[in-house]
Amino acid sequence: MQKEIDRNVNQPHKGSDPLKWVEQYADYLYGFAMSRLRNEELAKDLVQDTFLAALQGSGQFEGNSKEKTWLTAILKNKIADFYRKQLSGTLKDLKATDAEKEQSDFFDAETGHWNEQYMPRMFGLETHDPLILKELGTILNACLAKLPRLWFSVFAMKHIDDLESEQICAELKLSSPNFWVIMHRAKLNLRSCLQKNWN
């Protein structure tokens, strides 16, 4: 079996040792995948797919970046592929006009100010108490977990990975209006969830 694998794999870069990848990077890659997918089985599957793709393409790794960076880039592509596959049929329901109508509920058409019932409330975070911030972090994570996977992915790519909107649209094959509708709805859901659960 090992000989068969060796025959099918390109010669890895001199400083690269595929036999140590799981030991060195599995936990990190799994944590990375979980922070973007919120699904243990899916995260494990995509990490395994990442190692397999890296093994098959190990001859392409030239050592210009760290091995960890290279593996993370492969995993990011696997996650983006997963979300692209999830998109079929989903985007039919996303229209920029819908987001505009939803926003009209939140803002007064004449003044542009918040309508009173939707006005954001203070969160009470004037303190830097680590216990309070930890509690808020727990609630925020629970709220993020409630978002549909595609919404979470777009939100995470924008606000966790700090990617440009155009790059997210290109990676997920989203139109710009669809991107903004998803961001709008994700933020509204998060705000509503946080206000409901944070006292």
N, C-alpha and C. Protein backbone atom coordinates (compact mmCIF):
# COMPACT_ATOMS: atom_id res chain seq x y z
N MET A 1 0.83 -1.20 0.00
CA MET A 1 0.00 0.00 0.00
C MET A 1 0.87 1.26 0.00
N GLN A 2 1.90 1.28 0.87
CA GLN A 2 2.77 2.44 0.95
C GLN A 2 3.49 2.68 -0.39
N LYS A 3 3.92 1.59 -1.05
CA LYS A 3 4.60 1.75 -2.34
C LYS A 3 3.66 2.35 -3.37
N GLU A 4 2.39 1.92 -3.32
CA GLU A 4 1.40 2.44 -4.26
C GLU A 4 1.18 3.93 -4.03
N ILE A 5 1.10 4.35 -2.76
CA ILE A 5 0.96 5.77 -2.44
C ILE A 5 2.18 6.54 -2.94
N ASP A 6 3.37 5.98 -2.67
CA ASP A 6 4.60 6.64 -3.10
C ASP A 6 4.64 6.85 -4.60
N ARG A 7 4.13 5.88 -5.37
CA ARG A 7 4.15 6.00 -6.83
C ARG A 7 3.19 7.07 -7.32
N ASN A 8 2.08 7.27 -6.59
CA ASN A 8 1.05 8.21 -7.04
C ASN A 8 1.26 9.64 -6.54
N VAL A 9 2.24 9.86 -5.70
CA VAL A 9 2.46 11.17 -5.11
C VAL A 9 3.70 11.79 -5.70
N ASN A 10 3.62 13.07 -6.03
CA ASN A 10 4.80 13.78 -6.50
C ASN A 10 5.82 13.87 -5.38
N GLN A 11 7.06 14.02 -5.74
CA GLN A 11 8.12 14.12 -4.74
C GLN A 11 7.91 15.39 -3.92
N PRO A 12 7.76 15.29 -2.59
CA PRO A 12 7.54 16.49 -1.78
C PRO A 12 8.77 17.38 -1.72
N HIS A 13 8.56 18.62 -1.35
CA HIS A 13 9.65 19.57 -1.17
C HIS A 13 10.62 19.03 -0.14
N LYS A 14 11.88 19.38 -0.29
CA LYS A 14 12.94 18.83 0.55
C LYS A 14 12.66 18.96 2.05
N GLY A 15 12.15 20.12 2.50
CA GLY A 15 11.91 20.34 3.92
C GLY A 15 10.55 19.84 4.39
N SER A 16 9.79 19.28 3.49
CA SER A 16 8.43 18.85 3.82
C SER A 16 8.40 17.36 4.13
N ASP A 17 7.68 17.00 5.21
CA ASP A 17 7.55 15.59 5.58
C ASP A 17 6.08 15.26 5.78
N PRO A 18 5.42 14.73 4.72
CA PRO A 18 3.98 14.42 4.81
C PRO A 18 3.62 13.48 5.95
N LEU A 19 4.56 12.65 6.40
CA LEU A 19 4.27 11.73 7.49
C LEU A 19 4.04 12.45 8.81
N LYS A 20 4.48 13.69 8.92
CA LYS A 20 4.33 14.45 10.17
C LYS A 20 3.19 15.48 10.12
N TRP A 21 2.54 15.60 8.96
CA TRP A 21 1.51 16.62 8.81
C TRP A 21 0.38 16.48 9.82
N VAL A 22 -0.13 15.26 9.97
CA VAL A 22 -1.26 15.06 10.87
C VAL A 22 -0.88 15.44 12.30
N GLU A 23 0.27 14.98 12.72
CA GLU A 23 0.75 15.26 14.09
C GLU A 23 0.94 16.77 14.30
N GLN A 24 1.50 17.44 13.30
CA GLN A 24 1.86 18.86 13.47
C GLN A 24 0.69 19.82 13.22
N TYR A 25 -0.20 19.48 12.29
CA TYR A 25 -1.16 20.47 11.82
C TYR A 25 -2.63 20.10 11.97
N ALA A 26 -2.94 18.85 12.30
CA ALA A 26 -4.35 18.41 12.33
C ALA A 26 -5.19 19.24 13.29
N ASP A 27 -4.70 19.45 14.50
CA ASP A 27 -5.48 20.21 15.49
C ASP A 27 -5.73 21.64 15.03
N TYR A 28 -4.70 22.27 14.49
CA TYR A 28 -4.85 23.64 14.01
C TYR A 28 -5.86 23.70 12.87
N LEU A 29 -5.71 22.82 11.88
CA LEU A 29 -6.61 22.83 10.73
C LEU A 29 -8.04 22.51 11.13
N TYR A 30 -8.19 21.58 12.08
CA TYR A 30 -9.54 21.24 12.55
C TYR A 30 -10.18 22.47 13.23
N GLY A 31 -9.42 23.16 14.07
CA GLY A 31 -9.92 24.38 14.73
C GLY A 31 -10.29 25.45 13.71
N PHE A 32 -9.45 25.58 12.68
CA PHE A 32 -9.72 26.55 11.61
C PHE A 32 -11.02 26.20 10.91
N ALA A 33 -11.18 24.93 10.56
CA ALA A 33 -12.39 24.49 9.86
C ALA A 33 -13.63 24.64 10.74
N MET A 34 -13.51 24.29 12.01
CA MET A 34 -14.66 24.40 12.93
C MET A 34 -15.10 25.85 13.09
N SER A 35 -14.14 26.77 13.12
CA SER A 35 -14.48 28.18 13.30
C SER A 35 -15.25 28.74 12.11
N ARG A 36 -15.18 28.05 10.97
CA ARG A 36 -15.87 28.51 9.78
C ARG A 36 -17.07 27.66 9.39
N LEU A 37 -17.12 26.42 9.88
CA LEU A 37 -18.18 25.50 9.47
C LEU A 37 -19.18 25.18 10.58
N ARG A 38 -18.74 25.19 11.84
CA ARG A 38 -19.59 24.86 12.99
C ARG A 38 -20.22 23.47 12.86
N ASN A 39 -19.47 22.53 12.26
CA ASN A 39 -19.96 21.17 12.09
C ASN A 39 -18.77 20.22 12.21
N GLU A 40 -18.75 19.42 13.28
CA GLU A 40 -17.59 18.58 13.57
C GLU A 40 -17.27 17.60 12.46
N GLU A 41 -18.28 16.87 12.00
CA GLU A 41 -18.04 15.84 10.96
C GLU A 41 -17.54 16.47 9.67
N LEU A 42 -18.16 17.57 9.28
CA LEU A 42 -17.75 18.25 8.07
C LEU A 42 -16.33 18.80 8.20
N ALA A 43 -16.01 19.37 9.35
CA ALA A 43 -14.66 19.89 9.59
C ALA A 43 -13.63 18.76 9.48
N LYS A 44 -13.93 17.62 10.10
CA LYS A 44 -13.00 16.46 10.03
C LYS A 44 -12.83 16.00 8.59
N ASP A 45 -13.94 15.90 7.85
CA ASP A 45 -13.87 15.46 6.45
C ASP A 45 -13.02 16.39 5.61
N LEU A 46 -13.22 17.70 5.78
CA LEU A 46 -12.47 18.65 4.95
C LEU A 46 -10.99 18.70 5.34
N VAL A 47 -10.68 18.46 6.60
CA VAL A 47 -9.26 18.38 7.00
C VAL A 47 -8.62 17.16 6.36
N GLN A 48 -9.34 16.02 6.36
CA GLN A 48 -8.82 14.82 5.70
C GLN A 48 -8.62 15.06 4.21
N ASP A 49 -9.62 15.71 3.59
CA ASP A 49 -9.50 16.05 2.16
C ASP A 49 -8.31 16.96 1.90
N THR A 50 -8.05 17.84 2.85
CA THR A 50 -6.90 18.76 2.73
C THR A 50 -5.59 17.99 2.72
N PHE A 51 -5.45 17.06 3.67
CA PHE A 51 -4.22 16.26 3.71
C PHE A 51 -4.06 15.43 2.44
N LEU A 52 -5.15 14.85 1.95
CA LEU A 52 -5.09 14.05 0.73
C LEU A 52 -4.69 14.91 -0.46
N ALA A 53 -5.31 16.09 -0.60
CA ALA A 53 -4.97 16.99 -1.70
C ALA A 53 -3.51 17.45 -1.60
N ALA A 54 -3.07 17.73 -0.37
CA ALA A 54 -1.68 18.16 -0.17
C ALA A 54 -0.71 17.04 -0.53
N LEU A 55 -1.06 15.82 -0.16
CA LEU A 55 -0.21 14.67 -0.47
C LEU A 55 -0.12 14.47 -1.98
N GLN A 56 -1.27 14.58 -2.65
CA GLN A 56 -1.29 14.40 -4.10
C GLN A 56 -0.57 15.53 -4.82
N GLY A 57 -0.58 16.72 -4.24
CA GLY A 57 0.06 17.86 -4.88
C GLY A 57 1.34 18.29 -4.20
N SER A 58 1.94 17.40 -3.41
CA SER A 58 3.12 17.79 -2.62
C SER A 58 4.29 18.24 -3.48
N GLY A 59 4.35 17.77 -4.72
CA GLY A 59 5.42 18.21 -5.61
C GLY A 59 5.28 19.66 -6.02
N GLN A 60 4.08 20.22 -5.86
CA GLN A 60 3.84 21.62 -6.21
C GLN A 60 4.24 22.57 -5.09
N PHE A 61 4.43 22.03 -3.89
CA PHE A 61 4.85 22.88 -2.77
C PHE A 61 6.33 23.18 -2.91
N GLU A 62 6.65 24.45 -3.16
CA GLU A 62 8.03 24.84 -3.44
C GLU A 62 8.76 25.37 -2.21
N GLY A 63 8.05 25.47 -1.10
CA GLY A 63 8.70 25.96 0.11
C GLY A 63 8.78 27.47 0.20
N ASN A 64 8.02 28.18 -0.67
CA ASN A 64 8.03 29.64 -0.63
C ASN A 64 7.24 30.19 0.55
N SER A 65 6.37 29.37 1.11
CA SER A 65 5.63 29.74 2.31
C SER A 65 5.81 28.62 3.32
N LYS A 66 5.31 28.84 4.53
CA LYS A 66 5.38 27.79 5.53
C LYS A 66 4.41 26.68 5.16
N GLU A 67 4.74 25.48 5.55
CA GLU A 67 3.88 24.32 5.28
C GLU A 67 2.47 24.54 5.84
N LYS A 68 2.40 25.10 7.03
CA LYS A 68 1.12 25.36 7.69
C LYS A 68 0.28 26.33 6.86
N THR A 69 0.91 27.36 6.31
CA THR A 69 0.22 28.34 5.47
C THR A 69 -0.31 27.68 4.21
N TRP A 70 0.51 26.82 3.60
CA TRP A 70 0.13 26.11 2.39
C TRP A 70 -1.06 25.19 2.65
N LEU A 71 -1.02 24.44 3.74
CA LEU A 71 -2.12 23.53 4.09
C LEU A 71 -3.40 24.32 4.41
N THR A 72 -3.24 25.46 5.09
CA THR A 72 -4.40 26.30 5.40
C THR A 72 -5.04 26.83 4.13
N ALA A 73 -4.22 27.20 3.15
CA ALA A 73 -4.76 27.70 1.87
C ALA A 73 -5.55 26.59 1.17
N ILE A 74 -5.05 25.36 1.22
CA ILE A 74 -5.78 24.24 0.62
C ILE A 74 -7.12 24.05 1.34
N LEU A 75 -7.10 24.11 2.67
CA LEU A 75 -8.33 23.96 3.45
C LEU A 75 -9.32 25.08 3.13
N LYS A 76 -8.83 26.31 3.01
CA LYS A 76 -9.73 27.43 2.66
C LYS A 76 -10.44 27.15 1.33
N ASN A 77 -9.68 26.61 0.37
CA ASN A 77 -10.28 26.28 -0.92
C ASN A 77 -11.32 25.17 -0.79
N LYS A 78 -11.05 24.19 0.06
CA LYS A 78 -12.01 23.11 0.30
C LYS A 78 -13.30 23.66 0.92
N ILE A 79 -13.15 24.58 1.86
CA ILE A 79 -14.32 25.19 2.50
C ILE A 79 -15.11 26.01 1.47
N ALA A 80 -14.40 26.79 0.65
CA ALA A 80 -15.08 27.58 -0.39
C ALA A 80 -15.78 26.66 -1.37
N ASP A 81 -15.14 25.53 -1.75
CA ASP A 81 -15.79 24.56 -2.65
C ASP A 81 -17.07 24.02 -2.05
N PHE A 82 -17.01 23.72 -0.75
CA PHE A 82 -18.19 23.20 -0.06
C PHE A 82 -19.34 24.20 -0.15
N TYR A 83 -19.06 25.47 0.11
CA TYR A 83 -20.12 26.47 0.08
C TYR A 83 -20.62 26.74 -1.33
N ARG A 84 -19.72 26.65 -2.32
CA ARG A 84 -20.18 26.81 -3.71
C ARG A 84 -21.19 25.72 -4.07
N LYS A 85 -20.92 24.49 -3.62
CA LYS A 85 -21.84 23.38 -3.90
C LYS A 85 -23.18 23.59 -3.20
N GLN A 86 -23.15 24.24 -2.03
CA GLN A 86 -24.38 24.48 -1.28
C GLN A 86 -25.25 25.57 -1.92
N LEU A 87 -24.66 26.35 -2.82
CA LEU A 87 -25.36 27.51 -3.35
C LEU A 87 -26.47 27.19 -4.34
N SER A 88 -26.42 26.04 -4.98
CA SER A 88 -27.40 25.75 -6.02
C SER A 88 -28.80 25.83 -5.44
N GLY A 89 -29.60 26.71 -6.01
CA GLY A 89 -30.97 26.88 -5.54
C GLY A 89 -31.12 27.88 -4.42
N THR A 90 -30.07 28.11 -3.65
CA THR A 90 -30.17 29.01 -2.49
C THR A 90 -30.32 30.46 -2.91
N LEU A 91 -29.61 30.84 -3.96
CA LEU A 91 -29.54 32.25 -4.33
C LEU A 91 -30.81 32.76 -5.01
N LYS A 92 -31.67 31.84 -5.45
CA LYS A 92 -32.90 32.28 -6.09
C LYS A 92 -33.74 33.13 -5.14
N ASP A 93 -33.61 32.85 -3.85
CA ASP A 93 -34.42 33.56 -2.85
C ASP A 93 -33.79 34.86 -2.37
N LEU A 94 -32.58 35.15 -2.83
CA LEU A 94 -31.88 36.34 -2.34
C LEU A 94 -31.94 37.45 -3.38
N LYS A 95 -32.67 38.50 -3.07
CA LYS A 95 -32.79 39.62 -3.99
C LYS A 95 -32.46 40.90 -3.23
N ALA A 96 -31.74 41.78 -3.91
CA ALA A 96 -31.35 43.04 -3.27
C ALA A 96 -32.60 43.84 -2.89
N THR A 97 -33.66 43.75 -3.69
CA THR A 97 -34.88 44.49 -3.36
C THR A 97 -35.49 44.01 -2.05
N ASP A 98 -35.33 42.69 -1.76
CA ASP A 98 -35.84 42.17 -0.49
C ASP A 98 -35.10 42.81 0.69
N ALA A 99 -33.79 42.93 0.55
CA ALA A 99 -33.00 43.54 1.63
C ALA A 99 -33.40 45.00 1.82
N GLU A 100 -33.67 45.69 0.71
CA GLU A 100 -34.09 47.09 0.81
C GLU A 100 -35.43 47.20 1.54
N LYS A 101 -36.37 46.28 1.23
CA LYS A 101 -37.66 46.27 1.91
C LYS A 101 -37.49 45.98 3.40
N GLU A 102 -36.60 45.02 3.69
CA GLU A 102 -36.35 44.69 5.10
C GLU A 102 -35.78 45.91 5.84
N GLN A 103 -34.89 46.63 5.17
CA GLN A 103 -34.29 47.80 5.81
C GLN A 103 -35.33 48.88 6.06
N SER A 104 -36.33 48.98 5.18
CA SER A 104 -37.34 50.02 5.35
C SER A 104 -38.12 49.83 6.65
N ASP A 105 -38.17 48.59 7.16
CA ASP A 105 -38.79 48.37 8.46
C ASP A 105 -37.97 48.99 9.59
N PHE A 106 -36.68 49.01 9.41
CA PHE A 106 -35.78 49.44 10.47
C PHE A 106 -35.57 50.95 10.51
N PHE A 107 -35.72 51.62 9.35
CA PHE A 107 -35.41 53.05 9.29
C PHE A 107 -36.61 53.85 8.80
N ASP A 108 -36.75 55.04 9.35
CA ASP A 108 -37.80 55.95 8.92
C ASP A 108 -37.46 56.45 7.52
N ALA A 109 -38.41 56.34 6.60
CA ALA A 109 -38.17 56.71 5.20
C ALA A 109 -37.84 58.19 5.04
N GLU A 110 -38.40 59.03 5.87
CA GLU A 110 -38.19 60.47 5.72
C GLU A 110 -36.89 60.94 6.37
N THR A 111 -36.64 60.49 7.59
CA THR A 111 -35.47 61.00 8.32
C THR A 111 -34.24 60.11 8.19
N GLY A 112 -34.46 58.83 7.89
CA GLY A 112 -33.33 57.90 7.84
C GLY A 112 -32.90 57.40 9.20
N HIS A 113 -33.58 57.85 10.27
CA HIS A 113 -33.26 57.42 11.62
C HIS A 113 -33.91 56.07 11.92
N TRP A 114 -33.41 55.41 12.96
CA TRP A 114 -33.99 54.13 13.38
C TRP A 114 -35.45 54.29 13.78
N ASN A 115 -36.29 53.34 13.39
CA ASN A 115 -37.63 53.25 13.97
C ASN A 115 -37.45 52.74 15.39
N GLU A 116 -38.23 53.29 16.30
CA GLU A 116 -37.99 53.06 17.73
C GLU A 116 -37.94 51.58 18.12
N GLN A 117 -38.85 50.75 17.59
CA GLN A 117 -38.89 49.35 18.00
C GLN A 117 -37.67 48.56 17.53
N TYR A 118 -36.95 49.09 16.51
CA TYR A 118 -35.78 48.38 16.01
C TYR A 118 -34.45 49.03 16.42
N MET A 119 -34.55 50.10 17.15
CA MET A 119 -33.36 50.83 17.54
C MET A 119 -32.41 49.95 18.37
N PRO A 120 -31.11 49.93 18.03
CA PRO A 120 -30.17 49.13 18.81
C PRO A 120 -30.12 49.59 20.26
N ARG A 121 -30.05 48.64 21.16
CA ARG A 121 -29.94 48.95 22.59
C ARG A 121 -28.48 48.84 23.02
N MET A 122 -28.15 49.53 24.09
CA MET A 122 -26.80 49.46 24.62
C MET A 122 -26.54 48.05 25.15
N PHE A 123 -25.33 47.56 24.94
CA PHE A 123 -24.98 46.22 25.41
C PHE A 123 -24.42 46.23 26.81
N GLY A 124 -24.05 47.38 27.31
CA GLY A 124 -23.53 47.46 28.67
C GLY A 124 -22.13 46.90 28.79
N LEU A 125 -21.28 47.23 27.83
CA LEU A 125 -19.91 46.72 27.87
C LEU A 125 -18.90 47.82 28.19
N GLU A 126 -19.30 48.73 29.07
CA GLU A 126 -18.37 49.78 29.47
C GLU A 126 -17.23 49.19 30.30
N THR A 127 -17.44 48.02 30.85
CA THR A 127 -16.42 47.36 31.66
C THR A 127 -15.52 46.49 30.80
N HIS A 128 -14.34 46.24 31.28
CA HIS A 128 -13.42 45.32 30.59
C HIS A 128 -13.25 44.06 31.42
N ASP A 129 -14.25 43.72 32.18
CA ASP A 129 -14.23 42.53 33.02
C ASP A 129 -14.13 41.28 32.14
N PRO A 130 -13.05 40.49 32.30
CA PRO A 130 -12.86 39.32 31.45
C PRO A 130 -14.00 38.30 31.54
N LEU A 131 -14.62 38.17 32.70
CA LEU A 131 -15.72 37.22 32.84
C LEU A 131 -16.94 37.65 32.02
N ILE A 132 -17.23 38.95 32.02
CA ILE A 132 -18.35 39.46 31.23
C ILE A 132 -18.06 39.31 29.74
N LEU A 133 -16.84 39.64 29.33
CA LEU A 133 -16.47 39.49 27.93
C LEU A 133 -16.49 38.04 27.49
N LYS A 134 -16.10 37.13 28.39
CA LYS A 134 -16.15 35.70 28.07
C LYS A 134 -17.60 35.25 27.88
N GLU A 135 -18.49 35.73 28.77
CA GLU A 135 -19.90 35.38 28.66
C GLU A 135 -20.48 35.90 27.34
N LEU A 136 -20.13 37.13 26.96
CA LEU A 136 -20.60 37.68 25.70
C LEU A 136 -20.06 36.86 24.53
N GLY A 137 -18.79 36.44 24.61
CA GLY A 137 -18.20 35.61 23.57
C GLY A 137 -18.94 34.29 23.39
N THR A 138 -19.34 33.70 24.51
CA THR A 138 -20.11 32.45 24.47
C THR A 138 -21.45 32.66 23.78
N ILE A 139 -22.12 33.76 24.14
CA ILE A 139 -23.41 34.06 23.53
C ILE A 139 -23.24 34.37 22.04
N LEU A 140 -22.20 35.13 21.70
CA LEU A 140 -21.94 35.44 20.29
C LEU A 140 -21.70 34.17 19.48
N ASN A 141 -20.91 33.25 20.03
CA ASN A 141 -20.65 31.98 19.33
C ASN A 141 -21.94 31.19 19.13
N ALA A 142 -22.80 31.19 20.14
CA ALA A 142 -24.09 30.49 20.02
C ALA A 142 -24.95 31.14 18.93
N CYS A 143 -24.93 32.46 18.87
CA CYS A 143 -25.69 33.17 17.83
C CYS A 143 -25.12 32.90 16.44
N LEU A 144 -23.80 32.88 16.33
CA LEU A 144 -23.17 32.57 15.04
C LEU A 144 -23.54 31.16 14.58
N ALA A 145 -23.61 30.23 15.53
CA ALA A 145 -23.93 28.84 15.20
C ALA A 145 -25.35 28.71 14.66
N LYS A 146 -26.23 29.65 14.97
CA LYS A 146 -27.61 29.60 14.49
C LYS A 146 -27.77 30.11 13.07
N LEU A 147 -26.75 30.80 12.56
CA LEU A 147 -26.84 31.31 11.19
C LEU A 147 -26.81 30.16 10.20
N PRO A 148 -27.51 30.29 9.07
CA PRO A 148 -27.35 29.29 8.00
C PRO A 148 -25.87 29.22 7.59
N ARG A 149 -25.44 28.05 7.17
CA ARG A 149 -24.01 27.85 6.88
C ARG A 149 -23.45 28.87 5.89
N LEU A 150 -24.19 29.13 4.82
CA LEU A 150 -23.70 30.08 3.83
C LEU A 150 -23.54 31.46 4.44
N TRP A 151 -24.53 31.91 5.22
CA TRP A 151 -24.44 33.21 5.85
C TRP A 151 -23.24 33.28 6.77
N PHE A 152 -23.05 32.21 7.56
CA PHE A 152 -21.91 32.20 8.47
C PHE A 152 -20.60 32.26 7.71
N SER A 153 -20.52 31.51 6.61
CA SER A 153 -19.29 31.50 5.82
C SER A 153 -18.96 32.89 5.29
N VAL A 154 -19.96 33.56 4.72
CA VAL A 154 -19.75 34.90 4.18
C VAL A 154 -19.35 35.85 5.31
N PHE A 155 -20.05 35.78 6.43
CA PHE A 155 -19.75 36.65 7.57
C PHE A 155 -18.33 36.38 8.10
N ALA A 156 -17.96 35.10 8.21
CA ALA A 156 -16.63 34.75 8.73
C ALA A 156 -15.53 35.20 7.77
N MET A 157 -15.74 35.00 6.49
CA MET A 157 -14.72 35.43 5.52
C MET A 157 -14.52 36.94 5.58
N LYS A 158 -15.62 37.67 5.79
CA LYS A 158 -15.52 39.14 5.83
C LYS A 158 -14.96 39.64 7.15
N HIS A 159 -15.45 39.09 8.28
CA HIS A 159 -15.11 39.68 9.57
C HIS A 159 -14.12 38.87 10.41
N ILE A 160 -13.88 37.62 10.06
CA ILE A 160 -12.85 36.84 10.77
C ILE A 160 -11.58 36.78 9.92
N ASP A 161 -11.75 36.42 8.62
CA ASP A 161 -10.58 36.34 7.73
C ASP A 161 -10.20 37.70 7.18
N ASP A 162 -11.08 38.70 7.31
CA ASP A 162 -10.83 40.06 6.86
C ASP A 162 -10.58 40.13 5.35
N LEU A 163 -11.34 39.34 4.58
CA LEU A 163 -11.19 39.34 3.13
C LEU A 163 -12.01 40.48 2.52
N GLU A 164 -11.58 40.94 1.37
CA GLU A 164 -12.32 41.97 0.64
C GLU A 164 -13.60 41.36 0.09
N SER A 165 -14.63 42.17 -0.03
CA SER A 165 -15.92 41.70 -0.52
C SER A 165 -15.79 41.07 -1.90
N GLU A 166 -15.00 41.69 -2.79
CA GLU A 166 -14.82 41.18 -4.15
C GLU A 166 -14.20 39.79 -4.13
N GLN A 167 -13.25 39.57 -3.23
CA GLN A 167 -12.59 38.28 -3.13
C GLN A 167 -13.57 37.20 -2.65
N ILE A 168 -14.43 37.56 -1.70
CA ILE A 168 -15.43 36.61 -1.20
C ILE A 168 -16.39 36.25 -2.32
N CYS A 169 -16.84 37.25 -3.06
CA CYS A 169 -17.75 37.00 -4.19
C CYS A 169 -17.09 36.08 -5.21
N ALA A 170 -15.81 36.31 -5.50
CA ALA A 170 -15.10 35.48 -6.48
C ALA A 170 -14.95 34.05 -5.97
N GLU A 171 -14.57 33.89 -4.71
CA GLU A 171 -14.35 32.55 -4.16
C GLU A 171 -15.63 31.74 -4.07
N LEU A 172 -16.74 32.41 -3.70
CA LEU A 172 -18.00 31.70 -3.52
C LEU A 172 -18.91 31.81 -4.74
N LYS A 173 -18.42 32.50 -5.78
CA LYS A 173 -19.20 32.71 -7.00
C LYS A 173 -20.55 33.37 -6.69
N LEU A 174 -20.49 34.42 -5.87
CA LEU A 174 -21.66 35.20 -5.51
C LEU A 174 -21.69 36.49 -6.30
N SER A 175 -22.87 36.96 -6.65
CA SER A 175 -22.97 38.30 -7.23
C SER A 175 -22.85 39.30 -6.08
N SER A 176 -22.49 40.53 -6.41
CA SER A 176 -22.35 41.55 -5.38
C SER A 176 -23.67 41.79 -4.64
N PRO A 177 -24.83 41.87 -5.35
CA PRO A 177 -26.10 42.05 -4.60
C PRO A 177 -26.38 40.88 -3.66
N ASN A 178 -26.11 39.65 -4.10
CA ASN A 178 -26.33 38.50 -3.22
C ASN A 178 -25.45 38.55 -1.99
N PHE A 179 -24.20 38.96 -2.17
CA PHE A 179 -23.27 39.11 -1.05
C PHE A 179 -23.84 40.07 -0.02
N TRP A 180 -24.31 41.24 -0.49
CA TRP A 180 -24.79 42.26 0.44
C TRP A 180 -26.09 41.85 1.12
N VAL A 181 -26.94 41.11 0.41
CA VAL A 181 -28.17 40.61 1.04
C VAL A 181 -27.81 39.64 2.16
N ILE A 182 -26.87 38.74 1.89
CA ILE A 182 -26.45 37.76 2.90
C ILE A 182 -25.85 38.47 4.11
N MET A 183 -24.96 39.45 3.87
CA MET A 183 -24.35 40.18 4.98
C MET A 183 -25.41 40.92 5.79
N HIS A 184 -26.34 41.55 5.09
CA HIS A 184 -27.41 42.30 5.76
C HIS A 184 -28.22 41.37 6.66
N ARG A 185 -28.63 40.23 6.13
CA ARG A 185 -29.46 39.31 6.90
C ARG A 185 -28.68 38.68 8.05
N ALA A 186 -27.41 38.37 7.82
CA ALA A 186 -26.59 37.79 8.89
C ALA A 186 -26.46 38.78 10.04
N LYS A 187 -26.20 40.04 9.73
CA LYS A 187 -26.04 41.05 10.78
C LYS A 187 -27.35 41.28 11.53
N LEU A 188 -28.45 41.32 10.81
CA LEU A 188 -29.75 41.51 11.49
C LEU A 188 -30.03 40.34 12.43
N ASN A 189 -29.75 39.12 11.97
CA ASN A 189 -29.97 37.95 12.81
C ASN A 189 -29.07 37.96 14.04
N LEU A 190 -27.81 38.31 13.84
CA LEU A 190 -26.88 38.36 14.98
C LEU A 190 -27.30 39.42 15.98
N ARG A 191 -27.67 40.58 15.48
CA ARG A 191 -28.09 41.65 16.39
C ARG A 191 -29.31 41.23 17.20
N SER A 192 -30.28 40.64 16.52
CA SER A 192 -31.49 40.21 17.19
C SER A 192 -31.19 39.14 18.24
N CYS A 193 -30.34 38.18 17.87
CA CYS A 193 -29.98 37.10 18.80
C CYS A 193 -29.22 37.64 20.01
N LEU A 194 -28.29 38.55 19.79
CA LEU A 194 -27.52 39.12 20.90
C LEU A 194 -28.41 39.93 21.83
N GLN A 195 -29.31 40.71 21.24
CA GLN A 195 -30.20 41.51 22.09
C GLN A 195 -31.14 40.64 22.90
N LYS A 196 -31.54 39.53 22.33
CA LYS A 196 -32.45 38.62 23.03
C LYS A 196 -31.75 37.89 24.18
N ASN A 197 -30.48 37.54 23.97
CA ASN A 197 -29.79 36.67 24.93
C ASN A 197 -28.81 37.38 25.87
N TRP A 198 -28.51 38.64 25.59
CA TRP A 198 -27.57 39.38 26.45
C TRP A 198 -28.33 40.36 27.29
N ASN A 199 -28.23 40.20 28.59
CA ASN A 199 -28.93 41.11 29.50
C ASN A 199 -27.96 42.06 30.15
